[in-house]
Amino acid sequence: MKRITTLLILIGLVLLVSLPVFAGGQNEAEAPAEETAVMEEGVGPTNSNPLSDLRVRQAIAYAIDMDTIAETMFDGMVLPATGRVPDGPMKAPGLNRFAYNPDKARELLKAANWDSNYELDLGYYYGDQMTVDLMTAIQAYLSEVGIKMAFRKLEGDVGAQLSTVPADPVNGPSAVEIDLGYGGHAALALQEYFNVYKTGASAQYPSDAKMDALVDAINATADPVELKKALFEIEKYEVDNLAAYSLYYMPMFVYESVDLNRNGEMYGNPQYNYDWNIQNWTMTPDSSGKMVLQTNGGPVEFFQNPWENPGIWMFNKVLYDRLIACDGALTPTHGQMADYDLSSDGMTLKFTMKDGVKWHDGSAVTVDDVQFSIEKAILVTTGHKVILSTFNSIKGAEDFVAGTADHISGITTDGNTITIEMATLDPNILLSFSQFAILPEKYLADADPLKMLQSPFFQHPVGSGPYKIGKVEMNDYLVMVPNEDYYDGVPKIDEIQCYPSYDSDPNVVKNATAGILDYGFSKNPSEVSSLRALDNIKLETVDVPYTRILWFYQYPKK
């Protein structure tokens, strides 16, 4: 009730157009000099699409009061964004904040000859009420300055509707129908925030030679000092050109029942894999003396491929292991399945498999499985972009992908050692191998990389992690039990039970209230507020690189 009332008040205040500024905003006379300068530098449209006019994009940004939205609708649990990278040492200084200023928005629209009869079509994919509330508020803010906007939840192949790149990435036309998109970007590596702007990679941002050069620069060094400089430059360019409008940063909220004890093991970014040592966790035993952990994220139709979402699902975290372990901030720290050695120039990486690493069927994990996994994953077009970027930088990868070579020439094996030689430097090579799950060749050798999830393997996967499949009934339940041969210690919790769900699980609060939810994480402030009120739930806030964004589709329309 509090959130709905706040929203109604918020929209009502927005519609009082006689007010020169909204709470927390500025009027034209008070605008910082750099913001006025940005407005004056706004150029005309670059094609027939009105959003190709920088002044229109700037007007949209100035029209939205994210300070008030964050404080009211989100109960102060999100941070209004200034650029793509969350606040911290890698954040570019001096970025234009686009503080709420409807007068400036109207002035920009007038200069751009905005057609007030044009209605923007905004698509989003989240299923929670808070997203609908936010879209309603944005619609009201835009209406205040003379922009019509309708919004709708995308159904079906959402990825295609949001992210299909034009056949001609220079001239278009756009391969998607919407004008604006709303969604989130969780970065494994900070380059991931900006690699989407490279020519041929973006559904929204037309080809830009300067942007291409800046993207190349952030991927050309592993030196943290040089990387920081390159990130500063590309983020400033992105903000000055409003390639997209970053709305707010979200922390991650990890929720756990009071019956769960991590026994001192670390917290970290729960969307990815880190050295959380779940085998050392314990639960208060039930009436039969068993320790059972209940969570969500169980499979609905099939187990998700860990090469696409490395760690967002519990089963991807615990069924599979990685070659390298990292800490909670996703900094690689030590070998997991293998010891590793990276050459001083970053161009040669060697792994030596540890003794006793076995698949759940009892057979040994070998370097052949590692080579197979890399070569199969590089052909899976839906794989994680950071990992694919690493693999495509290996010597001979281009010939292998093109089908002119049977194997990637830069990968060689000798006994229990595998050596990877790079053709070009990849600054995230260790990070990629900390997230990349090794899968068994014997079960997936004949799987079509373009139809991986149709393989029987993803109905009952076999991994090498601390837990293995006990029972599974798709769209009903998943029970995982300890891997008694696990090389790093047999887990203490007797069962992990997962009920089926995807992201934005609508049953979190209901199940937590009923005492049948022991672990999970959420990015939904209203959900977190409800969980915080429960006596049987404890919450941990984790700062992660996660940004909610308004995308501008700038290619000409068909």
Protein backbone atom coordinates (compact mmCIF):
# COMPACT_ATOMS: atom_id res chain seq x y z
CA MET A 1 0.00 0.00 0.00
CA LYS A 2 2.83 2.41 0.87
CA ARG A 3 4.47 1.94 -2.54
CA ILE A 4 1.21 2.41 -4.47
CA THR A 5 0.34 5.54 -2.50
CA THR A 6 3.82 6.94 -3.08
CA LEU A 7 3.50 6.26 -6.79
CA LEU A 8 0.17 8.07 -7.02
CA ILE A 9 1.62 11.06 -5.19
CA LEU A 10 4.69 10.98 -7.46
CA ILE A 11 2.65 10.94 -10.66
CA GLY A 12 0.31 13.62 -9.34
CA LEU A 13 3.25 15.91 -8.60
CA VAL A 14 4.76 15.28 -12.03
CA LEU A 15 1.53 16.36 -13.70
CA LEU A 16 1.57 19.72 -11.87
CA VAL A 17 3.31 21.31 -14.80
CA SER A 18 3.06 24.76 -13.30
CA LEU A 19 5.88 23.90 -10.90
CA PRO A 20 9.24 24.97 -12.39
CA VAL A 21 11.15 22.19 -10.66
CA PHE A 22 10.39 18.98 -8.80
CA ALA A 23 11.76 18.06 -5.38
CA GLY A 24 15.50 17.70 -5.61
CA GLY A 25 15.70 19.22 -9.14
CA GLN A 26 17.12 22.43 -10.54
CA ASN A 27 15.72 25.18 -12.71
CA GLU A 28 17.43 26.44 -15.84
CA ALA A 29 19.25 29.24 -14.06
CA GLU A 30 20.75 26.84 -11.51
CA ALA A 31 21.99 24.24 -14.02
CA PRO A 32 25.71 23.48 -13.79
CA ALA A 33 27.82 24.92 -16.60
CA GLU A 34 28.82 21.54 -17.97
CA GLU A 35 25.17 20.51 -18.40
CA THR A 36 24.41 23.69 -20.40
CA ALA A 37 27.46 23.01 -22.50
CA VAL A 38 26.25 19.51 -23.29
CA MET A 39 22.88 20.92 -24.35
CA GLU A 40 24.54 23.44 -26.66
CA GLU A 41 26.62 20.72 -28.26
CA GLY A 42 23.52 18.70 -29.14
CA VAL A 43 23.39 17.98 -32.86
CA GLY A 44 20.53 17.36 -35.23
CA PRO A 45 19.22 13.93 -36.26
CA THR A 46 21.63 11.61 -38.03
CA ASN A 47 18.85 9.70 -39.79
CA SER A 48 15.05 9.55 -40.06
CA ASN A 49 14.64 8.25 -36.50
CA PRO A 50 13.91 11.15 -34.09
CA LEU A 51 15.93 9.38 -31.37
CA SER A 52 19.03 9.79 -33.54
CA ASP A 53 18.92 13.46 -32.48
CA LEU A 54 21.07 13.90 -29.38
CA ARG A 55 18.85 16.75 -28.20
CA VAL A 56 15.84 14.43 -28.02
CA ARG A 57 17.79 11.86 -25.99
CA GLN A 58 19.03 14.62 -23.67
CA ALA A 59 15.47 15.89 -23.23
CA ILE A 60 14.30 12.44 -22.16
CA ALA A 61 17.12 12.25 -19.61
CA TYR A 62 16.40 15.70 -18.17
CA ALA A 63 12.65 14.94 -18.00
CA ILE A 64 13.01 12.04 -15.54
CA ASP A 65 13.59 12.79 -11.85
CA MET A 66 15.51 9.70 -10.77
CA ASP A 67 16.41 11.25 -7.39
CA THR A 68 12.75 11.37 -6.37
CA ILE A 69 11.95 7.97 -7.91
CA ALA A 70 14.86 6.38 -6.02
CA GLU A 71 13.87 7.93 -2.71
CA THR A 72 10.13 7.26 -2.94
CA MET A 73 9.29 4.36 -5.18
CA PHE A 74 12.46 2.40 -4.31
CA ASP A 75 12.53 3.40 -0.62
CA GLY A 76 16.08 4.72 -1.02
CA MET A 77 17.45 1.25 -1.83
CA VAL A 78 18.84 2.18 -5.26
CA LEU A 79 21.34 4.87 -6.27
CA PRO A 80 20.57 7.24 -9.18
CA ALA A 81 23.13 6.61 -11.88
CA THR A 82 25.68 8.87 -13.49
CA GLY A 83 26.97 6.80 -16.38
CA ARG A 84 27.20 3.07 -16.74
CA VAL A 85 29.85 2.11 -14.13
CA PRO A 86 28.67 2.13 -10.48
CA ASP A 87 30.42 4.52 -8.09
CA GLY A 88 33.91 3.41 -7.11
CA PRO A 89 37.57 3.66 -8.17
CA MET A 90 36.79 2.77 -11.80
CA LYS A 91 34.10 5.46 -12.12
CA ALA A 92 34.91 8.30 -14.53
CA PRO A 93 34.91 11.73 -12.83
CA GLY A 94 33.00 14.82 -13.91
CA LEU A 95 30.19 13.15 -15.86
CA ASN A 96 27.05 15.10 -16.71
CA ARG A 97 24.39 13.91 -14.28
CA PHE A 98 21.32 15.07 -16.24
CA ALA A 99 19.71 16.32 -13.02
CA TYR A 100 15.94 16.72 -13.32
CA ASN A 101 15.13 19.85 -15.34
CA PRO A 102 11.86 19.82 -17.33
CA ASP A 103 12.39 23.39 -18.61
CA LYS A 104 15.65 22.33 -20.21
CA ALA A 105 13.94 19.24 -21.64
CA ARG A 106 11.25 21.38 -23.29
CA GLU A 107 13.89 23.76 -24.68
CA LEU A 108 15.82 20.86 -26.23
CA LEU A 109 12.65 19.39 -27.75
CA LYS A 110 11.75 22.75 -29.25
CA ALA A 111 15.21 23.05 -30.79
CA ALA A 112 14.85 19.54 -32.19
CA ASN A 113 11.41 20.30 -33.70
CA TRP A 114 9.95 17.40 -31.75
CA ASP A 115 6.64 16.12 -33.16
CA SER A 116 4.32 16.03 -30.13
CA ASN A 117 2.04 13.55 -31.95
CA TYR A 118 4.81 10.93 -32.16
CA GLU A 119 4.35 8.18 -29.54
CA LEU A 120 7.43 6.33 -28.34
CA ASP A 121 7.04 2.56 -27.89
CA LEU A 122 8.92 1.25 -24.82
CA GLY A 123 9.47 -2.48 -24.26
CA TYR A 124 10.57 -4.19 -21.04
CA TYR A 125 10.80 -7.78 -19.83
CA TYR A 126 10.45 -7.81 -16.04
CA GLY A 127 7.25 -9.27 -14.60
CA ASP A 128 7.08 -7.44 -11.27
CA GLN A 129 4.67 -4.68 -10.31
CA MET A 130 7.48 -2.28 -9.43
CA THR A 131 8.58 -2.23 -13.07
CA VAL A 132 5.05 -1.33 -14.14
CA ASP A 133 5.02 1.42 -11.52
CA LEU A 134 8.35 2.77 -12.78
CA MET A 135 7.16 2.73 -16.40
CA THR A 136 4.03 4.62 -15.34
CA ALA A 137 6.13 7.27 -13.58
CA ILE A 138 8.46 7.67 -16.58
CA GLN A 139 5.42 7.94 -18.86
CA ALA A 140 4.08 10.77 -16.67
CA TYR A 141 7.42 12.59 -16.54
CA LEU A 142 7.76 12.47 -20.34
CA SER A 143 4.18 13.60 -20.82
CA GLU A 144 4.94 16.65 -18.68
CA VAL A 145 7.49 17.89 -21.24
CA GLY A 146 5.41 16.96 -24.28
CA ILE A 147 6.54 13.42 -25.14
CA LYS A 148 3.98 10.66 -25.59
CA MET A 149 5.15 7.21 -24.53
CA ALA A 150 3.39 3.83 -24.33
CA PHE A 151 4.98 0.84 -22.61
CA ARG A 152 4.48 -2.92 -22.84
CA LYS A 153 5.96 -6.12 -21.50
CA LEU A 154 7.69 -8.08 -24.24
CA GLU A 155 6.69 -11.73 -24.60
CA GLY A 156 8.16 -14.66 -26.53
CA ASP A 157 11.72 -14.31 -27.81
CA VAL A 158 12.58 -11.25 -25.73
CA GLY A 159 16.25 -11.37 -26.68
CA ALA A 160 15.43 -11.02 -30.37
CA GLN A 161 13.01 -8.17 -29.71
CA LEU A 162 15.62 -6.25 -27.74
CA SER A 163 18.97 -7.20 -29.19
CA THR A 164 18.78 -8.21 -32.86
CA VAL A 165 21.54 -6.35 -34.70
CA PRO A 166 20.64 -4.83 -38.10
CA ALA A 167 21.89 -6.70 -41.14
CA ASP A 168 23.65 -3.44 -42.05
CA PRO A 169 25.16 -2.20 -38.75
CA VAL A 170 26.20 1.08 -40.39
CA ASN A 171 23.04 2.24 -42.14
CA GLY A 172 20.33 0.00 -40.68
CA PRO A 173 17.38 -0.14 -40.80
CA SER A 174 16.61 -1.22 -37.24
CA ALA A 175 15.92 -4.91 -36.76
CA VAL A 176 13.65 -4.27 -33.77
CA GLU A 177 10.32 -2.47 -33.54
CA ILE A 178 10.50 -0.63 -30.22
CA ASP A 179 11.88 2.90 -29.75
CA LEU A 180 12.99 2.51 -26.13
CA GLY A 181 13.96 -0.50 -24.06
CA TYR A 182 14.23 -0.90 -20.30
CA GLY A 183 16.37 -3.56 -18.70
CA GLY A 184 19.40 -4.36 -16.59
CA HIS A 185 23.07 -4.95 -17.30
CA ALA A 186 25.08 -7.02 -14.83
CA ALA A 187 28.73 -6.85 -15.81
CA LEU A 188 31.14 -9.68 -15.11
CA ALA A 189 33.97 -7.45 -16.39
CA LEU A 190 33.63 -3.67 -16.75
CA GLN A 191 34.49 -3.88 -20.46
CA GLU A 192 31.20 -5.73 -20.84
CA TYR A 193 29.32 -2.49 -20.18
CA PHE A 194 30.77 -0.96 -23.34
CA ASN A 195 31.59 -3.81 -25.72
CA VAL A 196 27.90 -3.74 -26.73
CA TYR A 197 28.61 -0.52 -28.68
CA LYS A 198 31.09 -2.09 -31.08
CA THR A 199 29.99 -2.03 -34.70
CA GLY A 200 28.03 -5.20 -35.37
CA ALA A 201 27.25 -5.81 -31.70
CA SER A 202 24.53 -3.24 -30.97
CA ALA A 203 20.83 -3.26 -31.78
CA GLN A 204 20.53 0.32 -30.55
CA TYR A 205 23.69 2.27 -31.35
CA PRO A 206 24.69 2.79 -35.01
CA SER A 207 28.28 2.31 -36.13
CA ASP A 208 30.65 4.93 -34.72
CA ALA A 209 34.35 4.88 -35.59
CA LYS A 210 35.38 6.75 -32.44
CA MET A 211 33.34 4.41 -30.23
CA ASP A 212 34.92 1.43 -31.99
CA ALA A 213 38.38 2.78 -31.18
CA LEU A 214 37.42 3.34 -27.54
CA VAL A 215 36.04 -0.20 -27.28
CA ASP A 216 39.29 -1.55 -28.71
CA ALA A 217 41.26 0.46 -26.13
CA ILE A 218 39.49 -0.99 -23.09
CA ASN A 219 40.21 -4.50 -24.40
CA ALA A 220 43.83 -3.89 -25.31
CA THR A 221 45.45 -3.87 -21.88
CA ALA A 222 45.61 -5.86 -18.67
CA ASP A 223 47.44 -3.01 -16.90
CA PRO A 224 44.95 -1.67 -14.31
CA VAL A 225 46.26 1.90 -14.63
CA GLU A 226 45.91 1.93 -18.41
CA LEU A 227 42.55 0.15 -18.21
CA LYS A 228 41.23 2.77 -15.79
CA LYS A 229 42.19 5.59 -18.16
CA ALA A 230 40.54 3.82 -21.09
CA LEU A 231 37.36 3.16 -19.11
CA PHE A 232 37.17 6.80 -18.03
CA GLU A 233 37.40 7.94 -21.64
CA ILE A 234 34.76 5.59 -23.04
CA GLU A 235 32.30 6.25 -20.22
CA LYS A 236 32.56 10.02 -20.75
CA TYR A 237 31.98 9.54 -24.48
CA GLU A 238 28.97 7.31 -23.81
CA VAL A 239 27.41 9.85 -21.42
CA ASP A 240 28.15 12.89 -23.59
CA ASN A 241 26.49 11.15 -26.54
CA LEU A 242 23.78 9.47 -24.47
CA ALA A 243 24.33 6.20 -26.26
CA ALA A 244 21.97 4.93 -23.55
CA TYR A 245 20.63 6.50 -20.36
CA SER A 246 21.70 4.75 -17.16
CA LEU A 247 18.89 5.22 -14.63
CA TYR A 248 20.09 3.68 -11.38
CA TYR A 249 22.48 1.25 -9.75
CA MET A 250 21.15 -1.70 -7.77
CA PRO A 251 22.87 -3.57 -4.97
CA MET A 252 22.16 -7.26 -4.56
CA PHE A 253 20.29 -8.44 -1.50
CA VAL A 254 21.12 -11.96 -0.34
CA TYR A 255 18.39 -13.43 1.86
CA GLU A 256 18.85 -16.46 4.11
CA SER A 257 16.76 -18.18 6.74
CA VAL A 258 17.92 -18.10 10.33
CA ASP A 259 18.42 -21.89 10.04
CA LEU A 260 21.26 -21.44 7.53
CA ASN A 261 24.82 -20.98 8.79
CA ARG A 262 27.67 -20.19 6.39
CA ASN A 263 30.17 -20.91 9.15
CA GLY A 264 32.29 -17.90 8.26
CA GLU A 265 32.38 -18.38 4.49
CA MET A 266 32.38 -15.17 2.47
CA TYR A 267 29.60 -13.24 0.77
CA GLY A 268 30.08 -12.02 -2.77
CA ASN A 269 28.41 -11.34 -6.09
CA PRO A 270 25.68 -14.02 -6.10
CA GLN A 271 25.00 -13.81 -9.84
CA TYR A 272 28.36 -15.41 -10.60
CA ASN A 273 30.68 -18.02 -9.14
CA TYR A 274 33.06 -17.27 -6.32
CA ASP A 275 34.79 -19.22 -3.57
CA TRP A 276 31.78 -19.47 -1.24
CA ASN A 277 32.64 -23.05 -0.11
CA ILE A 278 29.05 -24.22 0.16
CA GLN A 279 30.34 -27.62 1.27
CA ASN A 280 31.06 -26.00 4.66
CA TRP A 281 27.56 -24.55 5.13
CA THR A 282 25.15 -26.15 7.61
CA MET A 283 21.43 -26.06 8.32
CA THR A 284 19.48 -26.64 11.51
CA PRO A 285 18.50 -30.34 11.19
CA ASP A 286 14.83 -31.16 10.60
CA SER A 287 12.80 -33.60 12.70
CA SER A 288 14.47 -36.56 10.95
CA GLY A 289 17.96 -35.20 11.62
CA LYS A 290 18.61 -34.19 8.00
CA MET A 291 20.02 -30.84 6.94
CA VAL A 292 17.89 -29.61 4.04
CA LEU A 293 18.30 -26.26 2.25
CA GLN A 294 15.32 -25.02 0.24
CA THR A 295 15.73 -22.47 -2.52
CA ASN A 296 14.30 -21.34 -5.84
CA GLY A 297 15.72 -21.28 -9.38
CA GLY A 298 14.96 -24.92 -10.19
CA PRO A 299 14.61 -25.96 -13.86
CA VAL A 300 11.30 -25.44 -15.64
CA GLU A 301 11.85 -27.21 -18.98
CA PHE A 302 15.58 -27.96 -18.88
CA PHE A 303 18.71 -27.09 -16.93
CA GLN A 304 20.13 -23.81 -18.23
CA ASN A 305 23.50 -24.06 -19.96
CA PRO A 306 26.20 -22.80 -17.53
CA TRP A 307 28.07 -21.31 -20.51
CA GLU A 308 25.25 -18.76 -20.87
CA ASN A 309 24.48 -17.90 -17.23
CA PRO A 310 27.56 -19.02 -15.29
CA GLY A 311 26.15 -18.74 -11.77
CA ILE A 312 22.74 -17.12 -11.57
CA TRP A 313 21.05 -20.47 -10.88
CA MET A 314 21.89 -22.53 -7.81
CA PHE A 315 22.34 -25.69 -9.87
CA ASN A 316 24.90 -23.98 -12.12
CA LYS A 317 26.87 -23.01 -9.03
CA VAL A 318 26.97 -26.42 -7.34
CA LEU A 319 26.74 -29.03 -10.11
CA TYR A 320 29.81 -27.79 -11.98
CA ASP A 321 33.29 -26.64 -11.03
CA ARG A 322 35.67 -24.20 -12.69
CA LEU A 323 39.40 -24.27 -13.32
CA ILE A 324 40.03 -21.10 -11.26
CA ALA A 325 38.44 -19.80 -8.04
CA CYS A 326 37.85 -16.11 -7.26
CA ASP A 327 36.85 -14.02 -4.27
CA GLY A 328 33.52 -12.30 -3.64
CA ALA A 329 34.50 -9.34 -5.85
CA LEU A 330 35.25 -11.82 -8.66
CA THR A 331 39.01 -11.35 -8.51
CA PRO A 332 40.76 -14.64 -9.43
CA THR A 333 42.70 -15.96 -6.45
CA HIS A 334 43.79 -19.59 -6.89
CA GLY A 335 43.27 -22.78 -8.84
CA GLN A 336 40.11 -24.79 -8.26
CA MET A 337 40.05 -27.86 -10.51
CA ALA A 338 43.59 -27.13 -11.68
CA ASP A 339 46.73 -25.24 -10.78
CA TYR A 340 47.49 -22.50 -13.29
CA ASP A 341 50.36 -20.35 -14.52
CA LEU A 342 49.94 -17.23 -16.67
CA SER A 343 53.00 -15.90 -18.49
CA SER A 344 54.19 -12.39 -17.66
CA ASP A 345 52.99 -11.05 -21.03
CA GLY A 346 49.53 -12.61 -20.51
CA MET A 347 49.76 -14.58 -23.74
CA THR A 348 50.22 -18.16 -22.46
CA LEU A 349 48.11 -19.87 -19.80
CA LYS A 350 48.84 -23.37 -18.51
CA PHE A 351 46.53 -25.55 -16.41
CA THR A 352 47.61 -28.71 -14.59
CA MET A 353 44.64 -30.76 -13.43
CA LYS A 354 44.52 -31.62 -9.74
CA ASP A 355 44.40 -35.25 -8.62
CA GLY A 356 41.03 -36.69 -7.67
CA VAL A 357 38.79 -34.38 -9.74
CA LYS A 358 35.97 -36.63 -10.95
CA TRP A 359 32.67 -36.44 -12.75
CA HIS A 360 29.60 -37.42 -10.80
CA ASP A 361 29.65 -40.79 -12.59
CA GLY A 362 33.05 -41.54 -10.98
CA SER A 363 35.26 -41.06 -14.06
CA ALA A 364 38.16 -38.59 -14.08
CA VAL A 365 37.93 -35.07 -15.48
CA THR A 366 40.68 -34.78 -18.10
CA VAL A 367 42.38 -32.09 -20.14
CA ASP A 368 40.49 -33.50 -23.12
CA ASP A 369 37.27 -32.45 -21.38
CA VAL A 370 38.72 -28.98 -20.96
CA GLN A 371 39.69 -28.68 -24.62
CA PHE A 372 36.33 -30.08 -25.71
CA SER A 373 34.45 -27.60 -23.51
CA ILE A 374 36.31 -24.59 -24.92
CA GLU A 375 35.84 -25.73 -28.51
CA LYS A 376 32.16 -26.52 -28.06
CA ALA A 377 31.43 -23.32 -26.14
CA ILE A 378 33.02 -21.07 -28.76
CA LEU A 379 30.39 -22.33 -31.22
CA VAL A 380 27.47 -21.64 -28.86
CA THR A 381 26.32 -18.21 -30.03
CA THR A 382 24.36 -17.58 -26.83
CA GLY A 383 27.39 -18.06 -24.58
CA HIS A 384 28.49 -15.41 -22.08
CA LYS A 385 30.13 -12.55 -23.97
CA VAL A 386 33.13 -12.12 -21.67
CA ILE A 387 33.96 -15.82 -21.90
CA LEU A 388 33.43 -15.90 -25.67
CA SER A 389 35.68 -12.87 -26.08
CA THR A 390 38.46 -14.75 -24.27
CA PHE A 391 38.02 -17.88 -26.36
CA ASN A 392 37.93 -15.94 -29.63
CA SER A 393 41.28 -14.40 -28.67
CA ILE A 394 42.99 -17.83 -28.62
CA LYS A 395 45.40 -18.55 -31.45
CA GLY A 396 43.59 -20.47 -34.21
CA ALA A 397 40.10 -19.73 -32.89
CA GLU A 398 39.10 -17.89 -36.06
CA ASP A 399 39.96 -20.87 -38.30
CA PHE A 400 38.15 -23.28 -35.99
CA VAL A 401 34.98 -21.20 -35.93
CA ALA A 402 35.14 -20.83 -39.71
CA GLY A 403 35.32 -24.62 -40.03
CA THR A 404 38.72 -24.68 -41.73
CA ALA A 405 40.43 -26.40 -38.76
CA ASP A 406 39.40 -29.42 -36.70
CA HIS A 407 40.72 -27.93 -33.46
CA ILE A 408 41.87 -24.60 -32.06
CA SER A 409 45.60 -24.64 -32.81
CA GLY A 410 46.47 -22.55 -29.75
CA ILE A 411 45.26 -25.31 -27.40
CA THR A 412 47.63 -28.21 -26.77
CA THR A 413 47.64 -31.00 -24.18
CA ASP A 414 50.39 -33.06 -22.59
CA GLY A 415 49.48 -35.58 -19.90
CA ASN A 416 47.40 -33.73 -17.34
CA THR A 417 48.52 -30.28 -18.54
CA ILE A 418 46.73 -28.09 -21.08
CA THR A 419 48.37 -25.00 -22.61
CA ILE A 420 46.45 -22.10 -24.15
CA GLU A 421 48.28 -19.63 -26.40
CA MET A 422 46.60 -16.33 -27.18
CA ALA A 423 46.61 -14.57 -30.53
CA THR A 424 45.67 -11.27 -28.91
CA LEU A 425 45.82 -10.17 -25.31
CA ASP A 426 42.61 -10.69 -23.36
CA PRO A 427 42.56 -8.73 -20.07
CA ASN A 428 39.89 -11.01 -18.60
CA ILE A 429 41.43 -14.39 -19.32
CA LEU A 430 41.65 -15.49 -15.66
CA LEU A 431 38.21 -14.08 -14.87
CA SER A 432 36.69 -16.03 -17.77
CA PHE A 433 38.13 -19.32 -16.54
CA SER A 434 36.83 -18.59 -13.03
CA GLN A 435 33.30 -18.62 -14.49
CA PHE A 436 33.57 -21.21 -17.26
CA ALA A 437 32.15 -24.61 -16.36
CA ILE A 438 33.93 -27.67 -17.71
CA LEU A 439 31.42 -30.18 -19.14
CA PRO A 440 32.00 -33.89 -19.96
CA GLU A 441 32.88 -34.63 -23.57
CA LYS A 442 31.41 -38.15 -23.47
CA TYR A 443 27.89 -36.84 -22.89
CA LEU A 444 27.98 -33.83 -25.21
CA ALA A 445 30.33 -34.71 -28.07
CA ASP A 446 27.46 -35.01 -30.56
CA ALA A 447 25.38 -32.11 -29.22
CA ASP A 448 24.55 -29.40 -31.75
CA PRO A 449 26.14 -26.20 -30.36
CA LEU A 450 23.25 -24.18 -31.81
CA LYS A 451 20.69 -26.40 -30.07
CA MET A 452 22.54 -27.34 -26.90
CA LEU A 453 19.50 -27.34 -24.63
CA GLN A 454 17.84 -29.99 -26.77
CA SER A 455 20.52 -32.47 -25.67
CA PRO A 456 19.35 -35.12 -23.17
CA PHE A 457 22.25 -33.96 -20.99
CA PHE A 458 20.30 -30.86 -19.92
CA GLN A 459 17.49 -32.99 -18.55
CA HIS A 460 19.86 -34.72 -16.09
CA PRO A 461 23.32 -33.10 -16.20
CA VAL A 462 26.52 -34.67 -14.91
CA GLY A 463 29.07 -32.30 -13.42
CA SER A 464 32.07 -32.30 -11.10
CA GLY A 465 30.85 -29.93 -8.38
CA PRO A 466 30.07 -30.48 -4.69
CA TYR A 467 26.47 -31.56 -5.41
CA LYS A 468 24.94 -33.94 -7.95
CA ILE A 469 21.41 -34.64 -9.14
CA GLY A 470 19.34 -36.77 -6.78
CA LYS A 471 15.86 -36.42 -8.25
CA VAL A 472 14.37 -34.04 -10.76
CA GLU A 473 10.89 -33.49 -12.14
CA MET A 474 10.82 -30.59 -14.58
CA ASN A 475 8.63 -27.68 -13.49
CA ASP A 476 8.01 -29.41 -10.15
CA TYR A 477 11.13 -29.98 -8.06
CA LEU A 478 14.88 -30.60 -8.06
CA VAL A 479 16.76 -32.41 -5.31
CA MET A 480 20.56 -32.24 -5.26
CA VAL A 481 22.63 -34.42 -2.92
CA PRO A 482 26.31 -34.35 -1.87
CA ASN A 483 28.98 -35.57 -4.26
CA GLU A 484 30.73 -38.06 -1.98
CA ASP A 485 33.81 -38.05 -4.23
CA TYR A 486 34.18 -34.26 -4.20
CA TYR A 487 37.90 -33.49 -4.11
CA ASP A 488 37.50 -30.40 -1.93
CA GLY A 489 35.47 -31.90 0.94
CA VAL A 490 32.09 -33.64 1.08
CA PRO A 491 29.25 -31.11 1.69
CA LYS A 492 27.58 -31.13 5.10
CA ILE A 493 24.04 -30.16 3.97
CA ASP A 494 22.24 -33.40 3.05
CA GLU A 495 19.90 -32.00 0.39
CA ILE A 496 19.36 -28.86 -1.65
CA GLN A 497 15.74 -28.67 -2.80
CA CYS A 498 14.92 -26.19 -5.58
CA TYR A 499 11.43 -25.28 -6.71
CA PRO A 500 11.10 -24.07 -10.33
CA SER A 501 11.37 -20.36 -11.06
CA TYR A 502 13.09 -17.81 -13.24
CA ASP A 503 14.34 -14.31 -12.42
CA SER A 504 11.85 -12.01 -10.61
CA ASP A 505 10.34 -15.01 -8.79
CA PRO A 506 6.84 -13.97 -7.61
CA ASN A 507 6.76 -16.58 -4.80
CA VAL A 508 9.80 -15.43 -2.82
CA VAL A 509 7.96 -13.58 -0.06
CA LYS A 510 5.19 -16.17 0.15
CA ASN A 511 7.62 -19.08 0.52
CA ALA A 512 9.90 -17.20 2.91
CA THR A 513 6.89 -16.37 5.07
CA ALA A 514 5.89 -20.04 5.04
CA GLY A 515 9.39 -21.06 6.16
CA ILE A 516 10.20 -23.00 2.97
CA LEU A 517 12.89 -20.72 1.55
CA ASP A 518 16.41 -20.75 3.03
CA TYR A 519 18.56 -19.00 0.42
CA GLY A 520 18.30 -16.67 -2.55
CA PHE A 521 19.03 -13.18 -3.78
CA SER A 522 16.93 -10.34 -5.07
CA LYS A 523 17.26 -7.01 -6.89
CA ASN A 524 13.66 -6.01 -6.11
CA PRO A 525 13.43 -3.32 -3.38
CA SER A 526 9.74 -3.96 -2.62
CA GLU A 527 10.46 -7.66 -2.23
CA VAL A 528 13.41 -6.89 0.02
CA SER A 529 11.26 -4.62 2.19
CA SER A 530 8.82 -7.48 2.72
CA LEU A 531 11.61 -9.94 3.49
CA ARG A 532 13.20 -7.52 5.95
CA ALA A 533 10.01 -7.58 8.01
CA LEU A 534 10.18 -11.36 8.53
CA ASP A 535 11.66 -12.70 11.78
CA ASN A 536 12.92 -15.89 10.10
CA ILE A 537 14.93 -14.13 7.37
CA LYS A 538 18.26 -12.32 7.54
CA LEU A 539 19.53 -10.04 4.77
CA GLU A 540 22.99 -9.20 3.47
CA THR A 541 23.57 -6.29 1.06
CA VAL A 542 26.25 -6.89 -1.58
CA ASP A 543 27.49 -4.14 -3.89
CA VAL A 544 27.72 -5.48 -7.43
CA PRO A 545 28.14 -3.92 -10.88
CA TYR A 546 24.48 -3.88 -11.89
CA THR A 547 22.84 -0.99 -13.72
CA ARG A 548 19.25 -0.48 -14.89
CA ILE A 549 19.18 1.30 -18.24
CA LEU A 550 16.91 3.05 -20.72
CA TRP A 551 18.07 2.04 -24.19
CA PHE A 552 17.60 4.37 -27.18
CA TYR A 553 17.10 2.56 -30.50
CA GLN A 554 18.71 5.01 -32.91
CA TYR A 555 18.80 3.22 -36.26
CA PRO A 556 16.32 4.40 -38.91
CA LYS A 557 13.05 2.48 -38.86
CA LYS A 558 12.00 0.19 -41.68
